[in-house]
C-alpha atoms as a PDB file:
ATOM      1  CA  MET A   1      10.557 -24.881 -13.519  1.00  0.00           C
ATOM      2  CA  LYS A   2       7.116 -24.587 -14.150  1.00  0.00           C
ATOM      3  CA  PHE A   3       5.635 -21.128 -15.334  1.00  0.00           C
ATOM      4  CA  HIS A   4       2.011 -20.365 -15.003  1.00  0.00           C
ATOM      5  CA  LEU A   5      -0.171 -17.572 -15.048  1.00  0.00           C
ATOM      6  CA  THR A   6      -0.990 -16.089 -11.437  1.00  0.00           C
ATOM      7  CA  ARG A   7      -4.468 -14.649 -10.529  1.00  0.00           C
ATOM      8  CA  ALA A   8      -4.654 -12.612  -7.334  1.00  0.00           C
ATOM      9  CA  ALA A   9      -7.912 -14.205  -6.001  1.00  0.00           C
ATOM     10  CA  GLY A  10      -9.656 -10.997  -4.933  1.00  0.00           C
ATOM     11  CA  ASN A  11      -6.529  -8.899  -4.778  1.00  0.00           C
ATOM     12  CA  ASN A  12      -5.069  -6.562  -7.278  1.00  0.00           C
ATOM     13  CA  LEU A  13      -2.316  -7.598  -9.537  1.00  0.00           C
ATOM     14  CA  PHE A  14      -0.383  -5.652 -12.254  1.00  0.00           C
ATOM     15  CA  THR A  15      -0.999  -7.791 -15.305  1.00  0.00           C
ATOM     16  CA  GLY A  16       0.833  -5.552 -17.786  1.00  0.00           C
ATOM     17  CA  TYR A  17       2.604  -2.023 -18.428  1.00  0.00           C
ATOM     18  CA  GLY A  18       4.008  -0.185 -21.252  1.00  0.00           C
ATOM     19  CA  GLU A  19       4.505   3.292 -22.902  1.00  0.00           C
ATOM     20  CA  GLY A  20       1.662   5.520 -21.010  1.00  0.00           C
ATOM     21  CA  TYR A  21      -0.271   2.874 -19.103  1.00  0.00           C
ATOM     22  CA  VAL A  22      -0.178   0.137 -16.637  1.00  0.00           C
ATOM     23  CA  ALA A  23      -2.941  -2.727 -16.339  1.00  0.00           C
ATOM     24  CA  ILE A  24      -4.381  -4.200 -13.177  1.00  0.00           C
ATOM     25  CA  ASN A  25      -6.414  -7.397 -13.641  1.00  0.00           C
ATOM     26  CA  ASP A  26      -6.401  -6.741 -17.092  1.00  0.00           C
ATOM     27  CA  GLN A  27      -7.862  -3.426 -16.997  1.00  0.00           C
ATOM     28  CA  ARG A  28      -5.947  -0.527 -18.638  1.00  0.00           C
ATOM     29  CA  PHE A  29      -5.091   2.924 -16.739  1.00  0.00           C
ATOM     30  CA  GLU A  30      -3.550   5.629 -18.630  1.00  0.00           C
ATOM     31  CA  HIS A  31      -3.378   8.004 -15.592  1.00  0.00           C
ATOM     32  CA  SER A  32      -1.739   8.100 -12.085  1.00  0.00           C
ATOM     33  CA  ILE A  33      -3.102   5.826  -9.778  1.00  0.00           C
ATOM     34  CA  VAL A  34      -2.938   4.373  -6.205  1.00  0.00           C
ATOM     35  CA  VAL A  35      -3.185   0.543  -5.850  1.00  0.00           C
ATOM     36  CA  THR A  36      -3.434  -1.605  -2.727  1.00  0.00           C
ATOM     37  CA  PRO A  37      -3.877  -5.286  -2.611  1.00  0.00           C
ATOM     38  CA  GLY A  38      -7.484  -5.446  -1.779  1.00  0.00           C
ATOM     39  CA  ASN A  39      -9.050  -1.857  -2.414  1.00  0.00           C
ATOM     40  CA  PRO A  40     -10.515  -0.637  -5.539  1.00  0.00           C
ATOM     41  CA  VAL A  41      -7.927   1.181  -7.674  1.00  0.00           C
ATOM     42  CA  ALA A  42      -8.079   4.851  -6.965  1.00  0.00           C
ATOM     43  CA  ASP A  43      -7.068   7.859  -9.232  1.00  0.00           C
ATOM     44  CA  TRP A  44      -4.156   9.845  -7.939  1.00  0.00           C
ATOM     45  CA  ASP A  45      -4.235  13.372  -8.214  1.00  0.00           C
ATOM     46  CA  ALA A  46      -0.591  13.682  -8.574  1.00  0.00           C
ATOM     47  CA  GLY A  47      -0.338  14.321 -12.316  1.00  0.00           C
ATOM     48  CA  SER A  48       3.551  14.374 -12.594  1.00  0.00           C
ATOM     49  CA  PHE A  49       6.596  13.833 -10.759  1.00  0.00           C
ATOM     50  CA  GLU A  50       7.210  17.579 -10.705  1.00  0.00           C
ATOM     51  CA  ALA A  51       3.785  18.117  -9.061  1.00  0.00           C
ATOM     52  CA  LEU A  52       4.344  15.680  -6.020  1.00  0.00           C
ATOM     53  CA  THR A  53       3.823  17.361  -2.599  1.00  0.00           C
ATOM     54  CA  ALA A  54       4.027  15.996   0.881  1.00  0.00           C
ATOM     55  CA  ALA A  55       0.104  16.173   0.706  1.00  0.00           C
ATOM     56  CA  HIS A  56       0.012  13.431  -1.754  1.00  0.00           C
ATOM     57  CA  PHE A  57       2.127  11.224   0.416  1.00  0.00           C
ATOM     58  CA  ALA A  58       0.417  12.091   3.648  1.00  0.00           C
ATOM     59  CA  ALA A  59      -2.982  11.043   2.072  1.00  0.00           C
ATOM     60  CA  LEU A  60      -1.647   7.567   1.525  1.00  0.00           C
ATOM     61  CA  LEU A  61      -1.386   7.079   5.107  1.00  0.00           C
ATOM     62  CA  THR A  62      -4.997   6.624   5.343  1.00  0.00           C
ATOM     63  CA  LEU A  63      -4.475   3.217   3.624  1.00  0.00           C
ATOM     64  CA  LYS A  64      -2.424   1.943   6.504  1.00  0.00           C
ATOM     65  CA  PRO A  65       0.632   0.859   4.533  1.00  0.00           C
ATOM     66  CA  GLU A  66       3.818  -0.965   5.768  1.00  0.00           C
ATOM     67  CA  ILE A  67       5.495   0.172   2.619  1.00  0.00           C
ATOM     68  CA  VAL A  68       4.786   2.538  -0.137  1.00  0.00           C
ATOM     69  CA  ILE A  69       6.422   2.087  -3.683  1.00  0.00           C
ATOM     70  CA  LEU A  70       6.416   5.187  -6.044  1.00  0.00           C
ATOM     71  CA  GLY A  71       6.568   4.294  -9.844  1.00  0.00           C
ATOM     72  CA  THR A  72       8.149   7.411 -11.221  1.00  0.00           C
ATOM     73  CA  GLY A  73       7.225   6.803 -14.997  1.00  0.00           C
ATOM     74  CA  ALA A  74       9.796   5.661 -17.516  1.00  0.00           C
ATOM     75  CA  LYS A  75      12.898   6.396 -15.490  1.00  0.00           C
ATOM     76  CA  LEU A  76      13.882   6.255 -11.875  1.00  0.00           C
ATOM     77  CA  ARG A  77      13.561   9.630 -10.156  1.00  0.00           C
ATOM     78  CA  PHE A  78      13.772  10.477  -6.315  1.00  0.00           C
ATOM     79  CA  PRO A  79      11.437  12.930  -4.683  1.00  0.00           C
ATOM     80  CA  ARG A  80      13.022  15.558  -2.505  1.00  0.00           C
ATOM     81  CA  PRO A  81      13.123  14.397   1.325  1.00  0.00           C
ATOM     82  CA  GLU A  82      10.523  16.937   2.335  1.00  0.00           C
ATOM     83  CA  VAL A  83       7.879  15.521  -0.100  1.00  0.00           C
ATOM     84  CA  THR A  84       8.089  12.070   1.574  1.00  0.00           C
ATOM     85  CA  ARG A  85       8.650  13.136   5.052  1.00  0.00           C
ATOM     86  CA  PRO A  86       5.109  12.095   6.136  1.00  0.00           C
ATOM     87  CA  LEU A  87       5.840   8.622   5.488  1.00  0.00           C
ATOM     88  CA  ALA A  88       9.237   8.808   7.303  1.00  0.00           C
ATOM     89  CA  GLU A  89       7.527  10.408  10.383  1.00  0.00           C
ATOM     90  CA  ALA A  90       4.936   7.573  10.425  1.00  0.00           C
ATOM     91  CA  GLN A  91       7.676   5.189  10.060  1.00  0.00           C
ATOM     92  CA  VAL A  92       6.371   3.748   6.800  1.00  0.00           C
ATOM     93  CA  GLY A  93       8.992   2.142   4.225  1.00  0.00           C
ATOM     94  CA  PHE A  94       9.381   4.034   0.936  1.00  0.00           C
ATOM     95  CA  GLU A  95      11.045   3.055  -2.192  1.00  0.00           C
ATOM     96  CA  ALA A  96      11.031   4.951  -5.724  1.00  0.00           C
ATOM     97  CA  MET A  97      11.657   3.011  -8.919  1.00  0.00           C
ATOM     98  CA  ASP A  98      10.539   3.293 -12.520  1.00  0.00           C
ATOM     99  CA  THR A  99       7.054   2.175 -13.103  1.00  0.00           C
ATOM    100  CA  LYS A 100       7.854  -1.054 -14.491  1.00  0.00           C
ATOM    101  CA  ALA A 101       9.791  -2.185 -11.663  1.00  0.00           C
ATOM    102  CA  ALA A 102       7.262  -0.771  -9.261  1.00  0.00           C
ATOM    103  CA  CYS A 103       4.832  -3.074 -10.722  1.00  0.00           C
ATOM    104  CA  ARG A 104       6.728  -6.062 -10.520  1.00  0.00           C
ATOM    105  CA  THR A 105       7.728  -5.299  -7.072  1.00  0.00           C
ATOM    106  CA  PHE A 106       4.270  -4.493  -5.907  1.00  0.00           C
ATOM    107  CA  ASN A 107       3.112  -8.009  -7.271  1.00  0.00           C
ATOM    108  CA  ILE A 108       5.856  -9.871  -5.182  1.00  0.00           C
ATOM    109  CA  LEU A 109       5.151  -7.969  -2.024  1.00  0.00           C
ATOM    110  CA  MET A 110       1.388  -8.347  -2.492  1.00  0.00           C
ATOM    111  CA  ALA A 111       1.932 -12.021  -2.972  1.00  0.00           C
ATOM    112  CA  GLU A 112       3.873 -12.199   0.441  1.00  0.00           C
ATOM    113  CA  GLY A 113       0.694 -10.604   2.088  1.00  0.00           C
ATOM    114  CA  ARG A 114       2.599  -7.382   2.805  1.00  0.00           C
ATOM    115  CA  GLN A 115       0.458  -3.946   3.316  1.00  0.00           C
ATOM    116  CA  VAL A 116       1.922  -2.377   0.158  1.00  0.00           C
ATOM    117  CA  VAL A 117       0.639   0.718  -1.657  1.00  0.00           C
ATOM    118  CA  ALA A 118       1.793   1.459  -5.063  1.00  0.00           C
ATOM    119  CA  ALA A 119       1.599   5.134  -6.108  1.00  0.00           C
ATOM    120  CA  ILE A 120       2.098   4.994  -9.873  1.00  0.00           C
ATOM    121  CA  LEU A 121       2.862   7.852 -12.186  1.00  0.00           C
ATOM    122  CA  VAL A 122       1.986   6.816 -15.642  1.00  0.00           C
END
């Protein structure tokens, strides 16, 4: 098996993560962000898991996602169903996972050409 460094050729790719940060295309972020394959990385005003509201997820619909991945920080947490209701009503897939798993999953889905949005709580 051959291992080599993958570059995203114009797309966003998580290139690192650790306590209190994620890196996209080698740029470090230490705050909550929204990532799509081709758009610039955007700040996300959801400062913490406890602050999540339905409006945070409704705003993600403007990005036309097929699936939204929520990175919940160091541990996996599930938001209340009423918080993610806008995604369900729009028939958009949703997965919650710890932030490290969300980064890895985003990279895989992005490489498959999927319309994925990662909402990351750092």
